[in-house]
Amino acid sequence: MVTVRADLEASLARLRAECDDPRAGIHGPGSAAWHLERDAAIFMGGGRAVLLQLAHPFVAYAIAQHSKTREDVMGRFRRTFDNVFAMSFGDLDHAFTAARRVHNIHTRITGTIDEDAGAFPKGTVYHANDAASQLWVYATLIDTVVTVHERIRGPLSPALKEAYYRDSWSFARLFAIPDEVLPPSWGAFRAYVDRMLASNELTVTAPAREMGGFLFGGALGGAVAAVTASLLPARLRGDFGLAYGARERLVARGMFAAARAATLVTPRAARDLPAYRDAQRRIRGLPPSKLSRWIDQQMQALAAQVSGPPAR
């Protein structure tokens, strides 16, 4: 199923009708989404989310045939996260503007897979607005946020994970992902992710392998590759050619230990994403902070080196 503009507008209309305070956007203070997504530590999962997305042949071929990621790594990173932060932390109008912008870009992205790729035979037509592949991209982001938090802070409560997952439905609607394809609960969502990870719907194709090699063989590497390898299932880690021997395990453990220590000694505000801090200021009727803007620029520059460009 390929979502069209009418699907998006219907989805946005539903979000607007359900919104209590347009200034707060799709989530707002007190939401599980802001509680988990405000933390800059989630960038540690950036490489994981990228490779999980690239493992879907539709995503890999869409990027290979329509993107200039290799020529503009930093630019792609900034543009993607400008959209993501507008959706998650912006007011309702900014979230909707970002959703329409992304949908319009995706409308132009279609092509064919030129190899047999697991469940998808050579010649399969892909669309960037395909609901099934969009569901997977969305799932990689939500699952990665939870995975990184649990790796750093230990298990999250079932209630928090359930609340976060239900909050994330608003994010899914910004891509017009139909409710009927969304798993109905956190447990069903986890079962969907596990099924995808075990299935041949995720197959590391030639362009995915090339882009993974570019990112972790040149643009990234070392500690970033070790952290990413530690967060991936063994099958995909091997298919992408990421080493995960004794040295990489030691490096990854050290990186997560450092992140755990940072949560104990660093003030909460210093670990918050600037987009979250500005959202809080907006709700209080204050203008964006110049300091937040400067921190955002520094964090995005650092995260571009740590996480690589998002895959969608």
Protein backbone atom coordinates (compact mmCIF):
# COMPACT_ATOMS: atom_id res chain seq x y z
CA MET A 1 0.00 0.00 0.00
CA VAL A 2 1.37 3.39 -1.05
CA THR A 3 0.11 6.35 0.96
CA VAL A 4 -0.95 9.44 -1.01
CA ARG A 5 -1.43 13.09 -0.05
CA ALA A 6 -5.10 12.55 0.78
CA ASP A 7 -4.08 9.85 3.28
CA LEU A 8 -1.62 12.23 4.89
CA GLU A 9 -4.12 15.08 5.15
CA ALA A 10 -6.72 12.78 6.72
CA SER A 11 -4.10 11.60 9.22
CA LEU A 12 -3.09 15.18 10.07
CA ALA A 13 -6.72 16.22 10.48
CA ARG A 14 -7.16 13.43 13.00
CA LEU A 15 -4.08 14.56 14.91
CA ARG A 16 -5.34 18.14 15.00
CA ALA A 17 -8.71 17.02 16.33
CA GLU A 18 -7.02 15.04 19.11
CA CYS A 19 -4.56 17.80 20.09
CA ASP A 20 -5.30 19.59 23.37
CA ASP A 21 -2.64 22.31 22.96
CA PRO A 22 -1.22 23.06 19.49
CA ARG A 23 1.76 24.81 21.11
CA ALA A 24 2.84 21.48 22.61
CA GLY A 25 2.71 19.65 19.28
CA ILE A 26 2.01 15.94 18.98
CA HIS A 27 3.36 14.99 22.44
CA GLY A 28 3.93 17.69 25.03
CA PRO A 29 5.08 17.92 28.67
CA GLY A 30 4.47 14.85 30.75
CA SER A 31 4.41 12.52 27.77
CA ALA A 32 6.47 9.35 27.75
CA ALA A 33 7.77 10.40 24.33
CA TRP A 34 9.35 13.60 25.62
CA HIS A 35 10.61 11.78 28.72
CA LEU A 36 12.64 9.34 26.62
CA GLU A 37 13.42 11.33 23.47
CA ARG A 38 14.71 14.43 25.27
CA ASP A 39 17.99 12.67 26.14
CA ALA A 40 20.95 13.27 23.82
CA ALA A 41 22.25 9.80 24.69
CA ILE A 42 19.81 8.35 22.14
CA PHE A 43 22.31 9.43 19.47
CA MET A 44 24.39 6.42 20.53
CA GLY A 45 21.83 4.32 18.69
CA GLY A 46 22.06 6.32 15.47
CA GLY A 47 24.25 3.81 13.69
CA ARG A 48 21.96 0.94 14.71
CA ALA A 49 18.87 2.69 13.35
CA VAL A 50 20.68 3.53 10.10
CA LEU A 51 21.75 -0.05 9.44
CA LEU A 52 18.42 -1.56 10.45
CA GLN A 53 16.76 0.75 7.94
CA LEU A 54 19.31 0.00 5.23
CA ALA A 55 18.65 -3.71 5.75
CA HIS A 56 15.24 -3.19 4.14
CA PRO A 57 15.81 -3.37 0.36
CA PHE A 58 13.26 -0.61 -0.35
CA VAL A 59 15.19 1.81 1.87
CA ALA A 60 18.62 0.85 0.57
CA TYR A 61 17.62 1.18 -3.07
CA ALA A 62 15.71 4.43 -2.49
CA ILE A 63 18.82 6.01 -0.98
CA ALA A 64 21.21 4.52 -3.53
CA GLN A 65 19.15 5.67 -6.51
CA HIS A 66 17.80 9.00 -5.25
CA SER A 67 20.10 10.40 -2.57
CA LYS A 68 23.46 12.18 -2.53
CA THR A 69 24.26 11.05 0.99
CA ARG A 70 27.89 10.28 0.19
CA GLU A 71 28.44 13.75 -1.25
CA ASP A 72 26.67 15.60 1.57
CA VAL A 73 26.77 13.60 4.78
CA MET A 74 26.49 16.62 7.08
CA GLY A 75 23.79 18.32 5.04
CA ARG A 76 21.64 15.20 4.97
CA PHE A 77 22.06 14.74 8.69
CA ARG A 78 20.96 18.29 9.45
CA ARG A 79 17.98 18.23 7.08
CA THR A 80 16.73 14.92 8.41
CA PHE A 81 16.97 15.85 12.06
CA ASP A 82 15.49 19.30 11.44
CA ASN A 83 12.41 17.42 10.22
CA VAL A 84 12.45 14.83 13.00
CA PHE A 85 12.84 17.43 15.76
CA ALA A 86 10.11 19.61 14.21
CA MET A 87 7.80 16.59 14.28
CA SER A 88 8.65 15.45 17.80
CA PHE A 89 9.21 18.76 19.60
CA GLY A 90 7.72 21.46 17.36
CA ASP A 91 4.29 22.99 17.70
CA LEU A 92 1.53 21.39 15.67
CA ASP A 93 1.91 23.64 12.63
CA HIS A 94 5.67 23.05 12.44
CA ALA A 95 5.16 19.30 12.84
CA PHE A 96 2.62 19.30 10.02
CA THR A 97 4.86 21.39 7.76
CA ALA A 98 7.70 18.90 8.27
CA ALA A 99 5.34 15.97 7.62
CA ARG A 100 4.13 17.47 4.35
CA ARG A 101 7.69 18.28 3.29
CA VAL A 102 8.88 14.72 3.90
CA HIS A 103 5.82 13.23 2.18
CA ASN A 104 6.34 15.42 -0.89
CA ILE A 105 9.97 14.37 -1.15
CA HIS A 106 9.04 10.70 -0.76
CA THR A 107 6.37 10.99 -3.46
CA ARG A 108 9.12 11.43 -6.05
CA ILE A 109 11.15 8.46 -4.83
CA THR A 110 10.33 5.25 -6.66
CA GLY A 111 12.26 2.69 -8.67
CA THR A 112 13.08 -1.00 -9.00
CA ILE A 113 15.34 -3.40 -7.15
CA ASP A 114 17.94 -4.75 -9.54
CA GLU A 115 18.83 -7.95 -7.67
CA ASP A 116 17.05 -10.78 -5.89
CA ALA A 117 16.82 -9.48 -2.33
CA GLY A 118 15.33 -11.94 0.13
CA ALA A 119 11.55 -11.62 -0.04
CA PHE A 120 11.81 -9.19 -2.97
CA PRO A 121 12.68 -10.62 -6.40
CA LYS A 122 14.68 -8.64 -8.94
CA GLY A 123 12.47 -6.05 -10.61
CA THR A 124 10.28 -5.39 -7.56
CA VAL A 125 9.02 -1.81 -7.62
CA TYR A 126 9.57 0.23 -4.45
CA HIS A 127 8.00 3.50 -3.28
CA ALA A 128 9.31 5.64 -0.44
CA ASN A 129 5.70 6.16 0.70
CA ASP A 130 5.07 2.41 0.91
CA ALA A 131 3.28 1.88 4.23
CA ALA A 132 5.04 -1.41 5.06
CA SER A 133 8.56 -0.04 4.64
CA GLN A 134 7.58 3.19 6.42
CA LEU A 135 6.35 1.07 9.31
CA TRP A 136 9.78 -0.55 9.51
CA VAL A 137 11.62 2.79 9.42
CA TYR A 138 9.36 4.12 12.19
CA ALA A 139 9.87 0.91 14.19
CA THR A 140 13.67 1.17 14.02
CA LEU A 141 13.51 4.63 15.60
CA ILE A 142 11.14 3.70 18.43
CA ASP A 143 12.89 0.40 19.18
CA THR A 144 16.31 2.06 19.13
CA VAL A 145 15.29 4.73 21.65
CA VAL A 146 14.16 2.01 24.07
CA THR A 147 17.19 -0.20 23.35
CA VAL A 148 19.69 2.58 24.08
CA HIS A 149 17.92 3.69 27.25
CA GLU A 150 17.88 0.13 28.55
CA ARG A 151 21.54 -0.44 27.66
CA ILE A 152 22.52 2.66 29.62
CA ARG A 153 20.00 2.71 32.49
CA GLY A 154 18.70 -0.83 32.76
CA PRO A 155 15.21 -2.17 32.03
CA LEU A 156 12.39 0.33 31.57
CA SER A 157 9.10 -0.54 33.21
CA PRO A 158 6.47 -2.26 31.06
CA ALA A 159 4.12 0.64 31.75
CA LEU A 160 6.61 3.21 30.47
CA LYS A 161 7.33 1.21 27.33
CA GLU A 162 3.60 0.81 26.68
CA ALA A 163 3.01 4.54 27.21
CA TYR A 164 5.93 5.45 24.95
CA TYR A 165 4.72 3.14 22.22
CA ARG A 166 1.21 4.58 22.32
CA ASP A 167 2.64 8.11 22.19
CA SER A 168 4.62 7.10 19.12
CA TRP A 169 1.40 6.50 17.18
CA SER A 170 1.15 10.28 16.78
CA PHE A 171 4.59 10.27 15.17
CA ALA A 172 3.53 7.41 12.88
CA ARG A 173 0.49 9.42 11.76
CA LEU A 174 2.79 12.19 10.52
CA PHE A 175 3.82 9.66 7.86
CA ALA A 176 0.21 8.55 7.26
CA ILE A 177 1.02 5.04 8.48
CA PRO A 178 -2.46 3.52 8.86
CA ASP A 179 -3.60 2.49 12.32
CA GLU A 180 -4.49 -0.96 11.02
CA VAL A 181 -0.84 -1.77 10.25
CA LEU A 182 0.44 -0.54 13.63
CA PRO A 183 0.82 -3.33 16.22
CA PRO A 184 -1.81 -2.69 18.92
CA SER A 185 0.48 -2.88 21.97
CA TRP A 186 4.14 -2.75 23.00
CA GLY A 187 4.22 -6.55 23.21
CA ALA A 188 2.80 -6.86 19.70
CA PHE A 189 5.27 -4.22 18.50
CA ARG A 190 8.19 -6.18 19.95
CA ALA A 191 6.88 -9.33 18.27
CA TYR A 192 6.74 -7.44 14.95
CA VAL A 193 10.33 -6.20 15.35
CA ASP A 194 11.56 -9.69 16.26
CA ARG A 195 9.72 -11.19 13.29
CA MET A 196 11.26 -8.66 10.92
CA LEU A 197 14.75 -9.26 12.32
CA ALA A 198 14.36 -13.01 11.72
CA SER A 199 12.77 -12.68 8.27
CA ASN A 200 14.17 -12.34 4.76
CA GLU A 201 12.30 -9.06 4.38
CA LEU A 202 15.49 -7.67 5.89
CA THR A 203 18.28 -8.53 3.48
CA VAL A 204 21.57 -6.66 3.16
CA THR A 205 21.66 -5.82 -0.54
CA ALA A 206 24.62 -4.62 -2.57
CA PRO A 207 23.82 -0.89 -2.11
CA ALA A 208 23.18 -1.41 1.61
CA ARG A 209 26.52 -3.15 2.00
CA GLU A 210 28.26 -0.39 0.04
CA MET A 211 26.72 2.38 2.13
CA GLY A 212 27.44 0.52 5.36
CA GLY A 213 31.04 0.11 4.28
CA PHE A 214 31.28 3.80 3.43
CA LEU A 215 29.90 4.85 6.80
CA PHE A 216 31.78 2.49 9.06
CA GLY A 217 34.88 2.03 6.96
CA GLY A 218 35.62 5.68 6.31
CA ALA A 219 33.14 8.27 7.56
CA LEU A 220 32.82 6.44 10.86
CA GLY A 221 34.67 3.67 12.60
CA GLY A 222 36.41 2.73 15.81
CA ALA A 223 34.25 3.25 18.87
CA VAL A 224 31.19 4.17 16.80
CA ALA A 225 31.37 0.94 14.85
CA ALA A 226 31.88 -1.06 18.04
CA VAL A 227 28.83 0.51 19.72
CA THR A 228 26.73 -0.06 16.61
CA ALA A 229 27.87 -3.67 16.30
CA SER A 230 26.96 -4.32 19.94
CA LEU A 231 23.39 -3.11 19.32
CA LEU A 232 22.73 -5.15 16.17
CA PRO A 233 21.57 -8.77 15.90
CA ALA A 234 24.40 -11.10 14.90
CA ARG A 235 23.00 -11.88 11.43
CA LEU A 236 22.85 -8.26 10.29
CA ARG A 237 26.11 -7.38 12.02
CA GLY A 238 27.82 -10.08 9.98
CA ASP A 239 26.06 -9.21 6.72
CA PHE A 240 27.20 -5.61 7.05
CA GLY A 241 30.74 -6.79 7.78
CA LEU A 242 31.02 -5.19 11.22
CA ALA A 243 33.71 -6.75 13.39
CA TYR A 244 32.66 -7.71 16.91
CA GLY A 245 35.51 -9.51 18.56
CA ALA A 246 37.02 -9.09 22.01
CA ARG A 247 38.38 -5.62 21.25
CA GLU A 248 35.06 -4.31 19.93
CA ARG A 249 33.17 -5.77 22.89
CA LEU A 250 35.54 -4.05 25.31
CA VAL A 251 35.22 -0.72 23.52
CA ALA A 252 31.42 -0.92 23.43
CA ARG A 253 31.23 -1.80 27.13
CA GLY A 254 33.49 1.15 27.90
CA MET A 255 31.35 3.56 25.88
CA PHE A 256 28.15 2.51 27.62
CA ALA A 257 29.85 2.59 31.03
CA ALA A 258 30.92 6.16 30.30
CA ALA A 259 27.36 7.05 29.29
CA ARG A 260 26.02 5.54 32.54
CA ALA A 261 28.55 7.52 34.57
CA ALA A 262 27.61 10.72 32.73
CA THR A 263 23.98 10.36 33.80
CA LEU A 264 25.12 10.38 37.43
CA VAL A 265 27.33 13.46 37.30
CA THR A 266 25.84 15.61 34.54
CA PRO A 267 22.85 17.86 35.28
CA ARG A 268 19.63 16.80 33.61
CA ALA A 269 19.43 20.04 31.59
CA ALA A 270 22.90 19.48 30.15
CA ARG A 271 21.79 16.10 28.76
CA ASP A 272 18.62 17.42 27.16
CA LEU A 273 18.30 17.98 23.44
CA PRO A 274 18.11 21.70 22.65
CA ALA A 275 14.91 21.03 20.68
CA TYR A 276 13.30 19.78 23.88
CA ARG A 277 14.50 22.77 25.92
CA ASP A 278 13.14 25.19 23.31
CA ALA A 279 9.83 23.33 23.24
CA GLN A 280 9.54 23.88 26.98
CA ARG A 281 10.32 27.58 26.52
CA ARG A 282 7.74 27.89 23.74
CA ILE A 283 5.00 26.43 25.93
CA ARG A 284 5.88 29.00 28.61
CA GLY A 285 5.63 31.79 26.02
CA LEU A 286 9.38 32.38 25.80
CA PRO A 287 11.47 32.73 22.61
CA PRO A 288 14.03 30.08 21.59
CA SER A 289 17.28 30.22 23.51
CA LYS A 290 20.37 31.42 21.67
CA LEU A 291 22.38 29.09 23.86
CA SER A 292 20.17 26.16 22.85
CA ARG A 293 20.67 27.04 19.20
CA TRP A 294 24.45 27.07 19.64
CA ILE A 295 24.40 23.80 21.59
CA ASP A 296 22.18 22.28 18.90
CA GLN A 297 24.73 23.17 16.23
CA GLN A 298 27.56 21.63 18.26
CA MET A 299 25.55 18.50 19.08
CA GLN A 300 24.51 17.96 15.47
CA ALA A 301 28.12 18.34 14.33
CA LEU A 302 29.22 15.81 16.94
CA ALA A 303 26.32 13.46 16.29
CA ALA A 304 27.03 13.50 12.54
CA GLN A 305 30.42 12.02 13.41
CA VAL A 306 29.05 9.63 16.04
CA SER A 307 25.88 8.38 14.36
CA GLY A 308 26.22 8.94 10.65
CA PRO A 309 23.38 10.26 8.46
CA PRO A 310 19.90 8.88 9.08
CA ALA A 311 18.82 6.43 6.43
CA ARG A 312 15.51 8.12 5.57
